Amino acid sequence: MLPEIPTFNLSKANSEWMLRVLSLSQDCRRRSLDAACHYHDEVMARTQAELDRLHEKPAAEVVPGAAIELNMRLAAASIGGLLAAGSPMIAAQAAFAQGFAQAFQDWQAAVTQGPAARS
């Protein structure tokens, strides 16, 4: 006698799980990219503002160390912006990990218990 075959569709459970994982991954990448773009836009705006400020000064007022000072201020602002951008990226990774764990638990329940687990 053959063993009883479960009535649920394993292929469907696998496809649903894969779709959830891909959706979570896409959302994570989108949120991380948004944070990185925001950070990059801020750095570009600060750099342009500093350059505009330097162009407004007469050449005699620009001291030889002004370029180094400018680079140091921009580097400090860049590091601060990078740290600020890190929080949304970390949150996106945490949301992905949490969603992935839940998707796996749902898939595992669907595979081991069949259709009753999904209702």
N, C-alpha and C. Protein backbone atom coordinates (compact mmCIF):
# COMPACT_ATOMS: atom_id res chain seq x y z
N MET A 1 0.83 -1.17 0.00
CA MET A 1 0.00 0.00 0.00
C MET A 1 0.88 1.25 0.00
N LEU A 2 0.49 2.23 -0.77
CA LEU A 2 1.26 3.48 -0.88
C LEU A 2 0.96 4.41 0.29
N PRO A 3 1.97 5.16 0.71
CA PRO A 3 1.71 6.12 1.79
C PRO A 3 0.74 7.20 1.31
N GLU A 4 0.03 7.78 2.25
CA GLU A 4 -0.94 8.82 1.91
C GLU A 4 -0.21 10.08 1.44
N ILE A 5 -0.63 10.61 0.31
CA ILE A 5 -0.02 11.81 -0.26
C ILE A 5 -0.78 13.02 0.26
N PRO A 6 -0.07 14.02 0.77
CA PRO A 6 -0.75 15.22 1.28
C PRO A 6 -1.60 15.86 0.18
N THR A 7 -2.69 16.50 0.59
CA THR A 7 -3.60 17.10 -0.37
C THR A 7 -3.20 18.51 -0.78
N PHE A 8 -2.24 19.08 -0.12
CA PHE A 8 -1.83 20.44 -0.48
C PHE A 8 -0.84 20.41 -1.65
N ASN A 9 -0.67 21.54 -2.26
CA ASN A 9 0.20 21.66 -3.42
C ASN A 9 1.55 22.24 -2.98
N LEU A 10 2.56 21.40 -2.91
CA LEU A 10 3.88 21.83 -2.47
C LEU A 10 4.45 22.90 -3.41
N SER A 11 4.23 22.73 -4.69
CA SER A 11 4.73 23.71 -5.66
C SER A 11 4.12 25.09 -5.40
N LYS A 12 2.84 25.12 -5.08
CA LYS A 12 2.17 26.40 -4.80
C LYS A 12 2.76 27.03 -3.54
N ALA A 13 2.96 26.24 -2.50
CA ALA A 13 3.54 26.75 -1.25
C ALA A 13 4.93 27.32 -1.50
N ASN A 14 5.73 26.61 -2.30
CA ASN A 14 7.08 27.08 -2.62
C ASN A 14 7.03 28.38 -3.42
N SER A 15 6.13 28.45 -4.38
CA SER A 15 6.01 29.66 -5.21
C SER A 15 5.55 30.85 -4.39
N GLU A 16 4.59 30.63 -3.49
CA GLU A 16 4.12 31.72 -2.62
C GLU A 16 5.24 32.22 -1.72
N TRP A 17 6.02 31.29 -1.18
CA TRP A 17 7.14 31.67 -0.32
C TRP A 17 8.18 32.46 -1.11
N MET A 18 8.51 31.98 -2.30
CA MET A 18 9.50 32.67 -3.13
C MET A 18 9.02 34.07 -3.49
N LEU A 19 7.75 34.22 -3.80
CA LEU A 19 7.20 35.53 -4.13
C LEU A 19 7.30 36.49 -2.94
N ARG A 20 7.00 36.00 -1.74
CA ARG A 20 7.13 36.84 -0.55
C ARG A 20 8.57 37.25 -0.31
N VAL A 21 9.50 36.33 -0.46
CA VAL A 21 10.92 36.64 -0.26
C VAL A 21 11.39 37.67 -1.28
N LEU A 22 11.01 37.49 -2.54
CA LEU A 22 11.40 38.45 -3.57
C LEU A 22 10.80 39.83 -3.30
N SER A 23 9.57 39.87 -2.85
CA SER A 23 8.92 41.14 -2.53
C SER A 23 9.63 41.82 -1.36
N LEU A 24 9.96 41.06 -0.33
CA LEU A 24 10.70 41.61 0.81
C LEU A 24 12.06 42.13 0.39
N SER A 25 12.74 41.38 -0.45
CA SER A 25 14.06 41.79 -0.93
C SER A 25 13.98 43.08 -1.74
N GLN A 26 12.99 43.16 -2.61
CA GLN A 26 12.82 44.36 -3.42
C GLN A 26 12.51 45.57 -2.55
N ASP A 27 11.66 45.40 -1.56
CA ASP A 27 11.33 46.50 -0.65
C ASP A 27 12.57 46.96 0.12
N CYS A 28 13.36 46.01 0.58
CA CYS A 28 14.59 46.33 1.31
C CYS A 28 15.55 47.12 0.43
N ARG A 29 15.75 46.66 -0.79
CA ARG A 29 16.65 47.37 -1.71
C ARG A 29 16.14 48.77 -2.01
N ARG A 30 14.84 48.89 -2.21
CA ARG A 30 14.24 50.20 -2.52
C ARG A 30 14.44 51.18 -1.36
N ARG A 31 14.18 50.72 -0.14
CA ARG A 31 14.35 51.59 1.03
C ARG A 31 15.81 51.97 1.22
N SER A 32 16.72 51.04 1.01
CA SER A 32 18.15 51.35 1.14
C SER A 32 18.60 52.32 0.07
N LEU A 33 18.14 52.12 -1.15
CA LEU A 33 18.50 53.02 -2.25
C LEU A 33 17.95 54.42 -2.01
N ASP A 34 16.72 54.52 -1.50
CA ASP A 34 16.15 55.83 -1.18
C ASP A 34 17.00 56.56 -0.15
N ALA A 35 17.44 55.84 0.88
CA ALA A 35 18.28 56.45 1.92
C ALA A 35 19.61 56.90 1.34
N ALA A 36 20.21 56.06 0.50
CA ALA A 36 21.50 56.42 -0.11
C ALA A 36 21.35 57.62 -1.04
N CYS A 37 20.28 57.68 -1.81
CA CYS A 37 20.06 58.81 -2.71
C CYS A 37 19.84 60.10 -1.94
N HIS A 38 19.09 60.01 -0.84
CA HIS A 38 18.86 61.20 -0.01
C HIS A 38 20.19 61.71 0.55
N TYR A 39 21.01 60.79 1.04
CA TYR A 39 22.33 61.15 1.56
C TYR A 39 23.18 61.79 0.47
N HIS A 40 23.19 61.21 -0.71
CA HIS A 40 23.99 61.73 -1.82
C HIS A 40 23.52 63.12 -2.23
N ASP A 41 22.21 63.33 -2.28
CA ASP A 41 21.67 64.64 -2.61
C ASP A 41 22.09 65.70 -1.60
N GLU A 42 22.09 65.33 -0.31
CA GLU A 42 22.51 66.28 0.73
C GLU A 42 23.98 66.65 0.58
N VAL A 43 24.82 65.67 0.31
CA VAL A 43 26.25 65.95 0.14
C VAL A 43 26.48 66.85 -1.07
N MET A 44 25.78 66.59 -2.16
CA MET A 44 25.93 67.44 -3.35
C MET A 44 25.47 68.86 -3.06
N ALA A 45 24.37 69.03 -2.33
CA ALA A 45 23.87 70.37 -2.01
C ALA A 45 24.85 71.11 -1.11
N ARG A 46 25.42 70.42 -0.13
CA ARG A 46 26.41 71.07 0.75
C ARG A 46 27.65 71.48 -0.04
N THR A 47 28.09 70.60 -0.91
CA THR A 47 29.28 70.91 -1.72
C THR A 47 29.02 72.11 -2.61
N GLN A 48 27.87 72.14 -3.26
CA GLN A 48 27.54 73.27 -4.13
C GLN A 48 27.43 74.56 -3.33
N ALA A 49 26.84 74.50 -2.14
CA ALA A 49 26.72 75.69 -1.29
C ALA A 49 28.10 76.22 -0.89
N GLU A 50 29.00 75.32 -0.55
CA GLU A 50 30.36 75.74 -0.17
C GLU A 50 31.09 76.35 -1.37
N LEU A 51 30.93 75.75 -2.53
CA LEU A 51 31.57 76.30 -3.73
C LEU A 51 31.00 77.67 -4.07
N ASP A 52 29.69 77.82 -3.95
CA ASP A 52 29.07 79.12 -4.21
C ASP A 52 29.59 80.17 -3.23
N ARG A 53 29.74 79.77 -1.97
CA ARG A 53 30.25 80.70 -0.96
C ARG A 53 31.67 81.13 -1.30
N LEU A 54 32.49 80.20 -1.75
CA LEU A 54 33.87 80.55 -2.12
C LEU A 54 33.92 81.45 -3.35
N HIS A 55 33.02 81.22 -4.30
CA HIS A 55 33.01 82.04 -5.52
C HIS A 55 32.56 83.47 -5.25
N GLU A 56 31.80 83.68 -4.17
CA GLU A 56 31.33 85.02 -3.84
C GLU A 56 32.44 85.88 -3.24
N LYS A 57 33.45 85.26 -2.66
CA LYS A 57 34.55 86.00 -2.04
C LYS A 57 35.53 86.45 -3.11
N PRO A 58 36.08 87.63 -2.92
CA PRO A 58 37.16 88.05 -3.83
C PRO A 58 38.38 87.14 -3.64
N ALA A 59 39.16 87.01 -4.68
CA ALA A 59 40.31 86.11 -4.65
C ALA A 59 41.28 86.47 -3.53
N ALA A 60 41.38 87.74 -3.19
CA ALA A 60 42.31 88.16 -2.14
C ALA A 60 41.87 87.65 -0.76
N GLU A 61 40.59 87.41 -0.58
CA GLU A 61 40.09 86.94 0.72
C GLU A 61 40.20 85.43 0.90
N VAL A 62 40.42 84.73 -0.18
CA VAL A 62 40.53 83.27 -0.09
C VAL A 62 41.95 82.92 0.34
N VAL A 63 42.06 82.34 1.51
CA VAL A 63 43.37 81.99 2.05
C VAL A 63 43.84 80.67 1.43
N PRO A 64 45.16 80.46 1.42
CA PRO A 64 45.68 79.23 0.79
C PRO A 64 45.12 77.94 1.40
N GLY A 65 44.80 77.94 2.67
CA GLY A 65 44.28 76.73 3.31
C GLY A 65 42.78 76.55 3.17
N ALA A 66 42.13 77.44 2.39
CA ALA A 66 40.67 77.38 2.27
C ALA A 66 40.20 76.06 1.64
N ALA A 67 40.95 75.57 0.68
CA ALA A 67 40.55 74.32 0.03
C ALA A 67 40.61 73.15 1.02
N ILE A 68 41.64 73.15 1.85
CA ILE A 68 41.76 72.08 2.85
C ILE A 68 40.64 72.20 3.87
N GLU A 69 40.37 73.45 4.30
CA GLU A 69 39.28 73.67 5.27
C GLU A 69 37.94 73.22 4.67
N LEU A 70 37.72 73.58 3.42
CA LEU A 70 36.49 73.19 2.74
C LEU A 70 36.36 71.66 2.69
N ASN A 71 37.44 71.00 2.31
CA ASN A 71 37.41 69.54 2.23
C ASN A 71 37.16 68.90 3.59
N MET A 72 37.74 69.48 4.64
CA MET A 72 37.54 68.94 5.98
C MET A 72 36.08 69.11 6.43
N ARG A 73 35.50 70.29 6.16
CA ARG A 73 34.10 70.52 6.54
C ARG A 73 33.17 69.60 5.76
N LEU A 74 33.45 69.44 4.47
CA LEU A 74 32.61 68.56 3.66
C LEU A 74 32.75 67.10 4.08
N ALA A 75 33.97 66.71 4.45
CA ALA A 75 34.18 65.33 4.92
C ALA A 75 33.41 65.09 6.22
N ALA A 76 33.44 66.06 7.13
CA ALA A 76 32.70 65.92 8.39
C ALA A 76 31.20 65.85 8.12
N ALA A 77 30.71 66.70 7.23
CA ALA A 77 29.28 66.67 6.88
C ALA A 77 28.92 65.36 6.20
N SER A 78 29.83 64.87 5.37
CA SER A 78 29.59 63.62 4.66
C SER A 78 29.49 62.45 5.63
N ILE A 79 30.38 62.41 6.60
CA ILE A 79 30.35 61.33 7.59
C ILE A 79 29.07 61.40 8.41
N GLY A 80 28.68 62.62 8.81
CA GLY A 80 27.43 62.78 9.55
C GLY A 80 26.23 62.33 8.74
N GLY A 81 26.22 62.68 7.46
CA GLY A 81 25.12 62.26 6.60
C GLY A 81 25.09 60.76 6.39
N LEU A 82 26.27 60.17 6.28
CA LEU A 82 26.35 58.72 6.11
C LEU A 82 25.80 58.00 7.34
N LEU A 83 26.14 58.52 8.52
CA LEU A 83 25.61 57.92 9.74
C LEU A 83 24.10 58.07 9.81
N ALA A 84 23.59 59.22 9.39
CA ALA A 84 22.14 59.44 9.38
C ALA A 84 21.46 58.52 8.37
N ALA A 85 22.10 58.29 7.23
CA ALA A 85 21.53 57.41 6.21
C ALA A 85 21.57 55.95 6.65
N GLY A 86 22.48 55.64 7.56
CA GLY A 86 22.61 54.26 8.02
C GLY A 86 21.38 53.74 8.75
N SER A 87 20.72 54.61 9.50
CA SER A 87 19.54 54.19 10.27
C SER A 87 18.43 53.63 9.38
N PRO A 88 18.03 54.32 8.29
CA PRO A 88 17.00 53.74 7.43
C PRO A 88 17.46 52.44 6.77
N MET A 89 18.75 52.34 6.46
CA MET A 89 19.26 51.11 5.84
C MET A 89 19.19 49.95 6.83
N ILE A 90 19.55 50.23 8.08
CA ILE A 90 19.48 49.19 9.11
C ILE A 90 18.03 48.79 9.35
N ALA A 91 17.13 49.77 9.37
CA ALA A 91 15.70 49.47 9.55
C ALA A 91 15.18 48.62 8.39
N ALA A 92 15.64 48.91 7.18
CA ALA A 92 15.22 48.12 6.01
C ALA A 92 15.71 46.68 6.13
N GLN A 93 16.95 46.51 6.58
CA GLN A 93 17.49 45.16 6.76
C GLN A 93 16.73 44.41 7.86
N ALA A 94 16.40 45.11 8.95
CA ALA A 94 15.66 44.48 10.04
C ALA A 94 14.26 44.06 9.58
N ALA A 95 13.60 44.92 8.81
CA ALA A 95 12.27 44.59 8.30
C ALA A 95 12.35 43.38 7.36
N PHE A 96 13.40 43.33 6.54
CA PHE A 96 13.59 42.18 5.66
C PHE A 96 13.76 40.90 6.47
N ALA A 97 14.64 40.95 7.48
CA ALA A 97 14.90 39.75 8.28
C ALA A 97 13.64 39.28 9.00
N GLN A 98 12.88 40.23 9.55
CA GLN A 98 11.65 39.86 10.25
C GLN A 98 10.62 39.29 9.27
N GLY A 99 10.47 39.92 8.13
CA GLY A 99 9.53 39.42 7.13
C GLY A 99 9.94 38.07 6.58
N PHE A 100 11.25 37.89 6.39
CA PHE A 100 11.76 36.61 5.90
C PHE A 100 11.46 35.50 6.90
N ALA A 101 11.70 35.78 8.18
CA ALA A 101 11.44 34.77 9.20
C ALA A 101 9.95 34.39 9.23
N GLN A 102 9.08 35.40 9.12
CA GLN A 102 7.64 35.13 9.12
C GLN A 102 7.23 34.35 7.88
N ALA A 103 7.79 34.73 6.72
CA ALA A 103 7.49 34.01 5.48
C ALA A 103 7.93 32.55 5.58
N PHE A 104 9.09 32.33 6.18
CA PHE A 104 9.58 30.96 6.32
C PHE A 104 8.68 30.15 7.25
N GLN A 105 8.26 30.77 8.35
CA GLN A 105 7.36 30.07 9.28
C GLN A 105 6.04 29.73 8.60
N ASP A 106 5.51 30.67 7.82
CA ASP A 106 4.26 30.41 7.09
C ASP A 106 4.44 29.29 6.08
N TRP A 107 5.57 29.30 5.36
CA TRP A 107 5.85 28.25 4.38
C TRP A 107 5.98 26.90 5.08
N GLN A 108 6.72 26.91 6.19
CA GLN A 108 6.93 25.67 6.93
C GLN A 108 5.60 25.10 7.41
N ALA A 109 4.73 25.98 7.90
CA ALA A 109 3.41 25.52 8.36
C ALA A 109 2.60 24.97 7.19
N ALA A 110 2.67 25.65 6.05
CA ALA A 110 1.92 25.19 4.87
C ALA A 110 2.42 23.83 4.39
N VAL A 111 3.72 23.62 4.44
CA VAL A 111 4.30 22.36 3.96
C VAL A 111 4.02 21.22 4.94
N THR A 112 4.10 21.49 6.23
CA THR A 112 3.94 20.40 7.19
C THR A 112 2.49 20.11 7.54
N GLN A 113 1.62 21.13 7.44
CA GLN A 113 0.24 20.93 7.86
C GLN A 113 -0.75 20.99 6.71
N GLY A 114 -0.32 21.38 5.54
CA GLY A 114 -1.22 21.43 4.40
C GLY A 114 -2.08 22.67 4.38
N PRO A 115 -3.19 22.62 3.65
CA PRO A 115 -4.04 23.79 3.45
C PRO A 115 -4.64 24.34 4.74
N ALA A 116 -4.84 23.54 5.75
CA ALA A 116 -5.43 24.01 7.00
C ALA A 116 -4.56 25.07 7.67
N ALA A 117 -3.25 25.02 7.46
CA ALA A 117 -2.33 25.97 8.09
C ALA A 117 -2.46 27.36 7.47
N ARG A 118 -2.89 27.44 6.23
CA ARG A 118 -2.97 28.73 5.55
C ARG A 118 -4.27 29.47 5.82
N SER A 119 -5.22 28.83 6.43
CA SER A 119 -6.51 29.50 6.66
C SER A 119 -6.55 30.25 7.97
